[in-house]
Structures are given as C-alpha cells and as structure tokens.
Amino acid sequence: MHDSGDIRTAFEIPEIEKLYGGSFTDGYSVRLLWKNGELFKAIFDSIAGAERFVCLEFYIFRNDETGIELAELLKKKAAEGVRVFILYDHFGSFGTPRKFWAELKQAGINVRASYPFKWTAPLHYARRDHKKLILIDGERAFTGGLNIANEYRGYYFKRHKEAWRDTGILLEGPIAGTLLSEFEKSWLLWGGKPIETEARRQKTKIQDSGYKIQDNHASEDSQLSTLNSGALPVLPIFASSSRGRRRLRKLLYYSINHARKSIFLTTAYFTPSRRMIDMLSEAVKRGAIVRLLLPLKSDVLVADYAGRASFTELLQASVQIYTYKGRILHAKTAVFDGCWSIIGSANLDFQSLRRNDEGNVGILDKKFGQKMMDVFEADIKDSAKIEPDEWAKRNFCEKIKERFFVLFRRRL
C-alpha cells in the first residue's frame, strides 16, 4: 500500500489490480469536495479556466437556475474556441426540454443522450447512465455523486435551504487522461464522433512529482499535506457493461471481506442483498468496526423503506447504523481499514450494482483514507445512531411498509 508505514493491511496495489482487472493511474493533486458550495464552485472555476476542451457526463442535467448558469458558461467557452461535449442520461434528464439541448447545439456544443427510449426495445429504458464526470483539457477530472440541478447546489429562489449532502473529488495528473478514455467509450457508444484531443499532455505545476491533498477547512488553494515523492495511486472503477458491473461488485465484496479494522460506508440508497448483509455481519465477527451512514430523509421513500427491512438483522450483528439529519444525504463513499477509499456515483442498491452504468475512483493511501474518515466522523456528529432497542419499538405500520417495499428491492 502507498505510504502504508508499519500498518499491516490486506489492501495492496498488485492484489487489487489482479482482482479487478485494471491498473492504478497516477494522480498528482487531489481535492476532496464535500462542504456546502465548494462542489459547484470548483466545477464552475475549473470549466472557466478550460483552454482546449470540456467533457461532461451526467445522469441529471436540468434546465433550472443551476443548469442554465452552467449552460451559459459552456456556451461562452464554446464561443472562445473550447470544444464542449455533453452526454446526458435520457431518463434522468427526461424533464429537460428539447429546446434547452437545441440551444446548446446551436452554440456549437456537441450533445448526445445515453439510453434514449426506443419503442422497439422498451425494457432497455430501465438502464441508466448514472455516471457523473467532468474532464477539462485532459488535465483535470471531477467525479462524485452530484448532478446538475438546484438541489445539489443549494439554490432555491426566495427560499433558504441547504444543498444536499454530497461528495466529489477533483483530480489532476495522468488519471485525468485515463478518465477521458472512459468518457470517450461512452461518447462513441451513443453515437458521438471521435474526440480529437490533440496532445494529451499533462501541464502540472508540480515539479517534484509529489502529490497534494487539498484541505477544505482552510482556503481553497491551501495544502493539507505534501506527501512523500511519488504519485497518488488512483484506480478508475467504471462499470458500463454487465462485465464491468461484475467487476465492481467483485471489488466491493473483496473490500468488505478483507477489511480487518473498519468499514465506513456512506450511501444515499441502501437495499442490500442477502450476500451483502451476511458479509457485513461476518466483518463484525472477525473484529472490524462496521458503520453505515444513511439518509434520515430520502428523496426516494420506497427505497428507504426497502432498505430499512435489513436494519434489524444488521443491528443484531452489531453493525452500527446512523441516519443523517437535516439535508438529504446523497453521497456515495466507502473507506476500508482507513487506507482504501472509493468515491463516486454507485449506491449500495440493486440498480447501481446490477443495472446502471457507474463511475467511481478508488484511492489507496493511508493519509487520504484518514481524511475520508475525518469527513465521516464529521457527518456522524450531524447524525442519529439507531439503537437496537429503540428500533424494535418502531410503529407497526412502518414494519408493514418495510416488508412490503422490500419485495420490490430489485426494481428500486
């Protein structure tokens, strides 16, 4: 493990690469984005600085105030000669009018839709491109859990509401070129023309090949720590096929089964399979601390009830479950043994693990893992822990709803 020190761990680069069937790529600068406002500020600032091209792939891209502001910025960049490519999911962005996309195309922006509805294959529409990805000049890459819409930014006209609690990551270095290749695969699949990106050179200002983890508690450009020489190992975990989803599940199961000390999972939608419930329970038996952070209030209530059907068994196995108060929790992160972290778009539900196209990155580093655990602990302070005794006393009607909606777990 990179920067593992004296701590023994089951997570090592060769083992993970062999299991997953993919290679780690260098990341020179890493900025973890999770506080109110900083996610979209980083996105807008990065796009504003683009010189050659911008690629965006999102599940939801609405024509609300946030979407319109981003669209105007993209039109401005296109007018400056920057090539812009947008891939949006047809179902996720169903409410966005054709006029919105037409105006972007008229401005010279390349726009394609993934998984469009076809009368000849209506069941095909059940699949989603759930990835969230922004690539700038082949040098910077953003991924995470958010979409392009007001609720993710916290923009509400004449109302005071906080943004949904989400997590993203901004990466610089060769990893940006690797993620660009992932975008190109999807772009070509949905009818886009080959993207000419000229020389994909890395214009990093870091001269010593060390990498940086940005500290969001200080100023934007401040540096939490400059770690030892060598680049941060980042694994692209992209699933855009049945084979890709099998690899994603295999890696997730491996991570749960090999964690020796701790498993910290944050997810917006939690409808675990029988296998996952058993694995989390076994992790506790072998001495690992297992913590789940879930929404107190979900935007998909039926999925919330379906997930709660597993709580009794998990609590009996001493899995710790917390529900996030206040804002809707939409983040999707995992930290294993404080050194192996996964951030991206995949939830712990049937849809993400079996049907959706998902995009995540894995980072194997103890100091970055500690940063992730610090964020988790901060979220715990704004959460309520579910106690087994209190959970057993919940309303009978709630229990009925849980047992009913869990029957549809594979459809949520």
Protein backbone atom coordinates (compact mmCIF):
# COMPACT_ATOMS: atom_id res chain seq x y z
CA MET A 1 0.00 0.00 0.00
CA HIS A 2 1.23 3.51 -0.77
CA ASP A 3 2.50 5.20 2.41
CA SER A 4 1.44 2.25 4.49
CA GLY A 5 4.08 2.74 7.17
CA ASP A 6 4.10 -0.04 9.72
CA ILE A 7 0.40 -0.78 9.49
CA ARG A 8 -0.31 -4.21 8.09
CA THR A 9 -3.14 -4.24 5.58
CA ALA A 10 -4.88 -6.64 3.24
CA PHE A 11 -5.09 -3.94 0.59
CA GLU A 12 -2.13 -3.82 -1.77
CA ILE A 13 -1.88 -2.49 -5.32
CA PRO A 14 -0.91 -5.81 -7.02
CA GLU A 15 -3.75 -7.74 -5.35
CA ILE A 16 -6.37 -5.12 -6.17
CA GLU A 17 -5.22 -4.80 -9.77
CA LYS A 18 -5.23 -8.58 -10.24
CA LEU A 19 -8.68 -8.93 -8.71
CA TYR A 20 -10.27 -6.01 -10.54
CA GLY A 21 -8.51 -6.48 -13.85
CA GLY A 22 -7.50 -2.82 -14.13
CA SER A 23 -4.49 -0.68 -13.32
CA PHE A 24 -3.93 2.19 -10.92
CA THR A 25 -3.01 5.53 -12.50
CA ASP A 26 -1.11 8.45 -11.02
CA GLY A 27 -2.90 11.43 -9.54
CA TYR A 28 -0.71 14.39 -8.57
CA SER A 29 -3.27 16.59 -6.85
CA VAL A 30 -6.44 15.53 -5.03
CA ARG A 31 -9.15 17.78 -3.69
CA LEU A 32 -11.96 16.23 -1.68
CA LEU A 33 -15.15 18.29 -2.08
CA TRP A 34 -17.96 17.91 0.42
CA LYS A 35 -18.84 21.20 2.12
CA ASN A 36 -21.71 23.48 1.11
CA GLY A 37 -20.96 25.49 -2.02
CA GLU A 38 -17.48 24.17 -2.77
CA LEU A 39 -18.59 21.43 -5.16
CA PHE A 40 -20.12 23.73 -7.73
CA LYS A 41 -17.58 26.49 -7.19
CA ALA A 42 -14.83 24.04 -8.08
CA ILE A 43 -16.76 22.90 -11.15
CA PHE A 44 -17.50 26.41 -12.44
CA ASP A 45 -13.98 27.66 -11.74
CA SER A 46 -12.40 24.67 -13.49
CA ILE A 47 -14.60 24.98 -16.58
CA ALA A 48 -14.00 28.73 -16.74
CA GLY A 49 -10.27 28.01 -16.97
CA ALA A 50 -10.58 25.44 -19.78
CA GLU A 51 -8.41 26.13 -22.82
CA ARG A 52 -8.98 23.21 -25.20
CA PHE A 53 -11.96 21.02 -24.36
CA VAL A 54 -14.54 20.19 -21.71
CA CYS A 55 -16.39 16.86 -21.45
CA LEU A 56 -19.41 16.36 -19.18
CA GLU A 57 -21.34 13.16 -18.47
CA PHE A 58 -24.29 13.37 -16.06
CA TYR A 59 -27.36 11.41 -15.10
CA ILE A 60 -29.38 14.56 -14.41
CA PHE A 61 -28.84 17.88 -16.21
CA ARG A 62 -31.79 20.16 -15.54
CA ASN A 63 -32.71 23.49 -17.09
CA ASP A 64 -33.18 25.14 -13.69
CA GLU A 65 -31.08 28.06 -12.45
CA THR A 66 -28.02 25.86 -11.90
CA GLY A 67 -28.31 24.12 -15.27
CA ILE A 68 -28.90 27.38 -17.12
CA GLU A 69 -25.91 29.06 -15.48
CA LEU A 70 -23.66 26.16 -16.40
CA ALA A 71 -25.08 26.09 -19.93
CA GLU A 72 -24.31 29.79 -20.39
CA LEU A 73 -20.75 29.23 -19.20
CA LEU A 74 -20.35 26.33 -21.64
CA LYS A 75 -21.71 28.47 -24.48
CA LYS A 76 -19.20 31.17 -23.58
CA LYS A 77 -16.34 28.67 -23.64
CA ALA A 78 -17.54 27.30 -26.99
CA ALA A 79 -17.51 30.83 -28.39
CA GLU A 80 -13.89 31.11 -27.23
CA GLY A 81 -12.99 28.05 -29.29
CA VAL A 82 -13.10 25.47 -26.49
CA ARG A 83 -14.71 22.25 -27.68
CA VAL A 84 -17.53 21.10 -25.40
CA PHE A 85 -19.07 17.63 -25.23
CA ILE A 86 -22.17 16.79 -23.13
CA LEU A 87 -23.53 13.28 -22.59
CA TYR A 88 -26.72 13.15 -20.52
CA ASP A 89 -28.93 10.25 -19.49
CA HIS A 90 -32.26 10.38 -21.29
CA PHE A 91 -34.33 9.10 -18.35
CA GLY A 92 -32.54 11.11 -15.65
CA SER A 93 -32.87 14.32 -17.68
CA PHE A 94 -36.35 13.50 -19.01
CA GLY A 95 -37.82 16.78 -17.77
CA THR A 96 -35.23 18.93 -19.54
CA PRO A 97 -36.90 20.31 -22.71
CA ARG A 98 -35.54 19.70 -26.19
CA LYS A 99 -35.21 23.46 -26.65
CA PHE A 100 -32.52 23.52 -23.97
CA TRP A 101 -30.40 20.95 -25.81
CA ALA A 102 -31.11 22.56 -29.18
CA GLU A 103 -29.77 25.92 -27.97
CA LEU A 104 -26.60 24.24 -26.74
CA LYS A 105 -26.13 22.59 -30.13
CA GLN A 106 -26.71 25.91 -31.90
CA ALA A 107 -23.89 27.35 -29.79
CA GLY A 108 -21.54 24.73 -31.22
CA ILE A 109 -21.69 22.30 -28.29
CA ASN A 110 -21.73 18.58 -29.02
CA VAL A 111 -24.67 16.90 -27.22
CA ARG A 112 -25.67 13.24 -27.04
CA ALA A 113 -28.19 11.28 -24.93
CA SER A 114 -27.48 7.89 -23.39
CA TYR A 115 -30.13 5.15 -23.23
CA PRO A 116 -32.78 7.00 -25.26
CA PHE A 117 -36.23 5.42 -25.25
CA LYS A 118 -36.98 3.11 -28.18
CA TRP A 119 -40.37 1.58 -28.86
CA THR A 120 -38.61 -1.44 -30.33
CA ALA A 121 -36.81 -2.10 -27.02
CA PRO A 122 -38.81 -0.53 -24.15
CA LEU A 123 -37.10 -2.63 -21.45
CA HIS A 124 -33.80 -1.10 -22.50
CA TYR A 125 -35.06 2.12 -20.90
CA ALA A 126 -34.73 0.56 -17.42
CA ARG A 127 -30.98 1.03 -17.62
CA ARG A 128 -29.33 4.31 -16.66
CA ASP A 129 -26.06 6.10 -17.28
CA HIS A 130 -25.62 7.15 -13.65
CA LYS A 131 -22.05 8.45 -14.01
CA LYS A 132 -21.05 11.98 -13.03
CA LEU A 133 -17.88 13.07 -14.77
CA ILE A 134 -16.25 16.31 -15.91
CA LEU A 135 -12.96 16.40 -17.81
CA ILE A 136 -11.02 19.55 -18.61
CA ASP A 137 -8.18 19.70 -21.15
CA GLY A 138 -7.20 16.13 -20.26
CA GLU A 139 -5.54 17.57 -17.17
CA ARG A 140 -8.29 17.83 -14.54
CA ALA A 141 -11.10 15.43 -13.74
CA PHE A 142 -14.10 15.62 -11.45
CA THR A 143 -16.30 12.76 -10.31
CA GLY A 144 -18.62 12.09 -7.39
CA GLY A 145 -22.29 11.78 -6.53
CA LEU A 146 -23.90 15.07 -7.55
CA ASN A 147 -25.93 16.03 -10.60
CA ILE A 148 -26.50 19.35 -12.37
CA ALA A 149 -29.59 20.65 -10.58
CA ASN A 150 -30.56 23.18 -7.90
CA GLU A 151 -30.93 20.73 -5.03
CA TYR A 152 -27.31 19.62 -5.34
CA ARG A 153 -26.12 23.21 -5.30
CA GLY A 154 -28.49 24.57 -2.67
CA TYR A 155 -30.10 27.10 -4.98
CA TYR A 156 -33.74 27.78 -4.08
CA PHE A 157 -35.33 31.04 -5.25
CA LYS A 158 -36.72 33.01 -2.28
CA ARG A 159 -36.23 30.00 0.00
CA HIS A 160 -33.43 29.20 2.38
CA LYS A 161 -32.37 25.59 2.08
CA GLU A 162 -29.02 23.90 2.23
CA ALA A 163 -27.70 21.81 -0.63
CA TRP A 164 -27.98 18.08 -0.46
CA ARG A 165 -25.02 16.49 1.31
CA ASP A 166 -22.82 15.08 -1.43
CA THR A 167 -19.17 14.22 -2.01
CA GLY A 168 -16.99 14.78 -5.04
CA ILE A 169 -13.33 14.66 -5.89
CA LEU A 170 -11.19 16.81 -8.18
CA LEU A 171 -8.09 15.10 -9.57
CA GLU A 172 -5.09 16.30 -11.54
CA GLY A 173 -2.42 14.23 -13.23
CA PRO A 174 -2.31 11.28 -15.65
CA ILE A 175 -5.54 9.96 -14.08
CA ALA A 176 -7.40 12.71 -15.97
CA GLY A 177 -6.27 11.22 -19.28
CA THR A 178 -7.37 7.77 -18.16
CA LEU A 179 -10.82 9.06 -17.22
CA LEU A 180 -11.02 10.86 -20.56
CA SER A 181 -10.68 7.46 -22.22
CA GLU A 182 -13.63 6.24 -20.15
CA PHE A 183 -15.71 9.18 -21.34
CA GLU A 184 -14.75 8.55 -24.96
CA LYS A 185 -16.01 4.97 -24.75
CA SER A 186 -19.45 6.18 -23.68
CA TRP A 187 -19.42 9.05 -26.16
CA LEU A 188 -18.75 6.75 -29.11
CA LEU A 189 -21.26 4.18 -27.86
CA TRP A 190 -24.07 6.74 -28.01
CA GLY A 191 -23.30 7.99 -31.48
CA GLY A 192 -20.76 10.72 -30.85
CA LYS A 193 -17.94 11.31 -33.29
CA PRO A 194 -14.33 10.60 -32.22
CA ILE A 195 -12.97 13.31 -29.96
CA GLU A 196 -9.78 14.90 -31.23
CA THR A 197 -7.97 15.97 -28.09
CA GLU A 198 -4.64 16.90 -29.68
CA ALA A 199 -1.68 16.27 -27.43
CA ARG A 200 -2.91 14.98 -24.09
CA ARG A 201 0.00 16.47 -22.25
CA GLN A 202 -0.10 16.99 -18.51
CA LYS A 203 0.51 20.64 -17.64
CA THR A 204 1.10 20.06 -13.96
CA LYS A 205 2.78 22.77 -11.95
CA ILE A 206 4.07 20.21 -9.50
CA GLN A 207 7.75 19.91 -10.24
CA ASP A 208 8.79 17.35 -7.66
CA SER A 209 6.27 14.64 -8.67
CA GLY A 210 4.87 14.66 -5.15
CA TYR A 211 1.13 14.87 -4.77
CA LYS A 212 -1.11 17.09 -2.70
CA ILE A 213 -4.29 16.57 -0.75
CA GLN A 214 -6.22 19.81 -0.53
CA ASP A 215 -7.66 20.86 2.83
CA ASN A 216 -11.21 22.16 2.54
CA HIS A 217 -11.19 23.52 6.09
CA ALA A 218 -8.65 26.15 5.07
CA SER A 219 -8.56 28.31 1.97
CA GLU A 220 -9.25 26.75 -1.41
CA ASP A 221 -5.66 26.61 -2.55
CA SER A 222 -4.16 25.66 0.77
CA GLN A 223 -2.39 22.36 1.13
CA LEU A 224 -3.19 19.87 3.86
CA SER A 225 -0.04 17.91 3.28
CA THR A 226 2.61 17.32 0.67
CA LEU A 227 3.29 13.65 0.97
CA ASN A 228 6.34 11.64 0.09
CA SER A 229 7.54 11.61 -3.50
CA GLY A 230 5.61 9.53 -5.97
CA ALA A 231 2.07 9.95 -7.22
CA LEU A 232 -1.20 9.13 -5.53
CA PRO A 233 -2.43 5.74 -6.80
CA VAL A 234 -5.95 6.07 -8.25
CA LEU A 235 -7.98 3.20 -9.70
CA PRO A 236 -10.75 4.06 -12.20
CA ILE A 237 -13.74 1.87 -11.28
CA PHE A 238 -16.11 2.36 -14.19
CA ALA A 239 -18.97 -0.02 -14.96
CA SER A 240 -20.65 0.41 -18.34
CA SER A 241 -21.47 -3.21 -19.12
CA SER A 242 -22.52 -6.43 -17.42
CA ARG A 243 -18.86 -7.38 -17.18
CA GLY A 244 -17.99 -4.00 -15.70
CA ARG A 245 -20.72 -4.31 -13.07
CA ARG A 246 -19.48 -7.78 -12.14
CA ARG A 247 -16.01 -6.34 -11.64
CA LEU A 248 -17.44 -3.53 -9.50
CA ARG A 249 -19.31 -6.00 -7.30
CA LYS A 250 -16.29 -8.28 -7.06
CA LEU A 251 -14.11 -5.40 -5.88
CA LEU A 252 -16.71 -4.21 -3.38
CA TYR A 253 -17.18 -7.71 -1.95
CA TYR A 254 -13.41 -8.22 -1.77
CA SER A 255 -13.03 -4.95 0.12
CA ILE A 256 -15.71 -5.87 2.65
CA ASN A 257 -14.38 -9.40 3.12
CA HIS A 258 -10.76 -8.30 3.60
CA ALA A 259 -11.22 -5.30 5.87
CA ARG A 260 -9.65 -6.15 9.23
CA LYS A 261 -10.20 -2.98 11.23
CA SER A 262 -13.05 -0.87 9.91
CA ILE A 263 -15.64 -0.41 7.18
CA PHE A 264 -17.23 3.05 6.86
CA LEU A 265 -19.97 3.15 4.21
CA THR A 266 -21.96 6.23 3.16
CA THR A 267 -24.73 5.78 0.62
CA ALA A 268 -27.93 7.50 -0.45
CA TYR A 269 -29.79 4.29 -1.30
CA PHE A 270 -29.21 1.11 0.67
CA THR A 271 -31.12 -2.01 -0.35
CA PRO A 272 -28.58 -4.75 0.41
CA SER A 273 -28.63 -8.25 -1.00
CA ARG A 274 -28.61 -11.31 1.23
CA ARG A 275 -24.94 -11.69 0.41
CA MET A 276 -24.03 -8.16 1.48
CA ILE A 277 -25.91 -8.48 4.77
CA ASP A 278 -24.01 -11.69 5.53
CA MET A 279 -20.66 -10.13 4.59
CA LEU A 280 -21.16 -7.08 6.78
CA SER A 281 -22.20 -9.32 9.67
CA GLU A 282 -19.15 -11.53 9.19
CA ALA A 283 -16.89 -8.46 9.15
CA VAL A 284 -18.09 -7.57 12.66
CA LYS A 285 -17.49 -11.15 13.83
CA ARG A 286 -13.85 -11.00 12.77
CA GLY A 287 -13.34 -7.78 14.71
CA ALA A 288 -13.95 -4.99 12.19
CA ILE A 289 -15.97 -1.92 13.14
CA VAL A 290 -18.75 -1.59 10.56
CA ARG A 291 -20.60 1.72 10.26
CA LEU A 292 -23.34 2.67 7.83
CA LEU A 293 -24.31 6.30 7.22
CA LEU A 294 -27.70 6.61 5.53
CA PRO A 295 -30.26 9.37 4.95
CA LEU A 296 -32.80 10.16 7.64
CA LYS A 297 -34.99 11.58 4.88
CA SER A 298 -34.70 10.16 1.38
CA ASP A 299 -35.90 11.59 -1.91
CA VAL A 300 -36.98 8.04 -2.85
CA LEU A 301 -39.16 6.97 0.08
CA VAL A 302 -39.94 3.47 -1.19
CA ALA A 303 -36.23 2.68 -1.47
CA ASP A 304 -35.79 3.97 2.06
CA TYR A 305 -38.41 1.55 3.39
CA ALA A 306 -36.91 -1.34 1.41
CA GLY A 307 -33.51 -0.65 2.95
CA ARG A 308 -34.87 -0.46 6.49
CA ALA A 309 -36.08 -4.05 6.18
CA SER A 310 -32.45 -5.14 6.71
CA PHE A 311 -31.80 -2.98 9.78
CA THR A 312 -32.96 -5.46 12.42
CA GLU A 313 -30.59 -8.18 11.26
CA LEU A 314 -27.69 -5.79 10.84
CA LEU A 315 -28.21 -4.25 14.28
CA GLN A 316 -28.35 -7.71 15.83
CA ALA A 317 -24.97 -8.37 14.19
CA SER A 318 -23.61 -5.17 15.86
CA VAL A 319 -23.39 -3.18 12.65
CA GLN A 320 -23.64 0.50 13.59
CA ILE A 321 -26.27 2.42 11.60
CA TYR A 322 -26.51 6.22 11.57
CA THR A 323 -29.09 8.40 9.83
CA TYR A 324 -28.03 11.83 8.61
CA LYS A 325 -30.23 14.64 9.92
CA GLY A 326 -31.20 17.79 8.06
CA ARG A 327 -30.16 17.85 4.43
CA ILE A 328 -30.79 14.87 2.18
CA LEU A 329 -27.71 12.66 2.10
CA HIS A 330 -26.71 11.82 -1.48
CA ALA A 331 -23.01 10.91 -1.09
CA LYS A 332 -21.59 7.53 -2.11
CA THR A 333 -18.28 6.74 -0.40
CA ALA A 334 -16.53 3.84 1.30
CA VAL A 335 -13.40 3.60 3.44
CA PHE A 336 -11.85 0.25 4.35
CA ASP A 337 -9.24 -0.04 7.11
CA GLY A 338 -8.63 3.69 6.83
CA CYS A 339 -6.49 3.24 3.72
CA TRP A 340 -8.61 2.06 0.79
CA SER A 341 -11.25 4.60 -0.28
CA ILE A 342 -13.89 4.56 -3.02
CA ILE A 343 -15.74 7.69 -4.17
CA GLY A 344 -18.22 8.04 -7.00
CA SER A 345 -21.75 7.50 -8.24
CA ALA A 346 -22.56 3.92 -7.20
CA ASN A 347 -25.03 3.32 -4.38
CA LEU A 348 -25.38 0.10 -2.41
CA ASP A 349 -28.54 -0.96 -4.18
CA PHE A 350 -29.62 -3.34 -6.91
CA GLN A 351 -29.89 -0.62 -9.54
CA SER A 352 -26.31 0.59 -9.13
CA LEU A 353 -24.68 -2.81 -8.73
CA ARG A 354 -26.67 -4.69 -11.37
CA ARG A 355 -28.10 -2.30 -13.97
CA ASN A 356 -26.63 1.19 -14.04
CA ASP A 357 -23.53 2.48 -15.72
CA GLU A 358 -21.50 3.83 -12.80
CA GLY A 359 -18.28 5.80 -12.35
CA ASN A 360 -16.04 5.70 -9.28
CA VAL A 361 -12.40 6.05 -8.32
CA GLY A 362 -10.51 4.09 -5.70
CA ILE A 363 -7.59 5.64 -3.82
CA LEU A 364 -5.13 3.51 -1.89
CA ASP A 365 -3.42 5.77 0.61
CA LYS A 366 -3.45 5.97 4.39
CA LYS A 367 -3.37 9.77 4.68
CA PHE A 368 -6.16 10.23 2.17
CA GLY A 369 -8.08 7.48 3.95
CA GLN A 370 -7.69 9.38 7.20
CA LYS A 371 -9.15 12.46 5.51
CA MET A 372 -12.11 10.39 4.38
CA MET A 373 -12.60 9.06 7.90
CA ASP A 374 -12.46 12.62 9.28
CA VAL A 375 -15.29 13.60 6.92
CA PHE A 376 -17.25 10.53 8.00
CA GLU A 377 -16.80 11.44 11.67
CA ALA A 378 -17.94 15.00 10.94
CA ASP A 379 -21.09 13.61 9.32
CA ILE A 380 -21.69 11.34 12.31
CA LYS A 381 -21.92 14.44 14.52
CA ASP A 382 -24.90 15.52 12.43
CA SER A 383 -26.50 12.09 12.58
CA ALA A 384 -28.57 9.95 14.92
CA LYS A 385 -27.46 6.45 15.83
CA ILE A 386 -30.13 3.77 15.58
CA GLU A 387 -30.22 1.76 18.80
CA PRO A 388 -31.49 -1.84 18.60
CA ASP A 389 -33.95 -1.47 21.49
CA GLU A 390 -35.49 1.69 20.09
CA TRP A 391 -35.61 0.26 16.59
CA ALA A 392 -37.58 -2.76 17.83
CA LYS A 393 -40.25 -0.38 19.21
CA ARG A 394 -40.96 1.39 15.91
CA ASN A 395 -44.52 1.74 14.66
CA PHE A 396 -46.21 -1.43 13.38
CA CYS A 397 -47.27 0.36 10.20
CA GLU A 398 -43.62 1.15 9.50
CA LYS A 399 -42.76 -2.54 9.75
CA ILE A 400 -45.52 -3.40 7.29
CA LYS A 401 -44.22 -0.82 4.79
CA GLU A 402 -40.70 -2.23 5.12
CA ARG A 403 -41.84 -5.79 4.46
CA PHE A 404 -43.96 -4.68 1.52
CA PHE A 405 -41.44 -2.48 -0.28
CA VAL A 406 -38.52 -4.88 0.20
CA LEU A 407 -40.39 -7.19 -2.18
CA PHE A 408 -39.56 -4.67 -4.92
CA ARG A 409 -35.89 -4.29 -3.98
CA ARG A 410 -34.76 -5.32 -7.45
CA ARG A 411 -36.90 -2.63 -9.08
CA LEU A 412 -35.76 0.34 -6.99
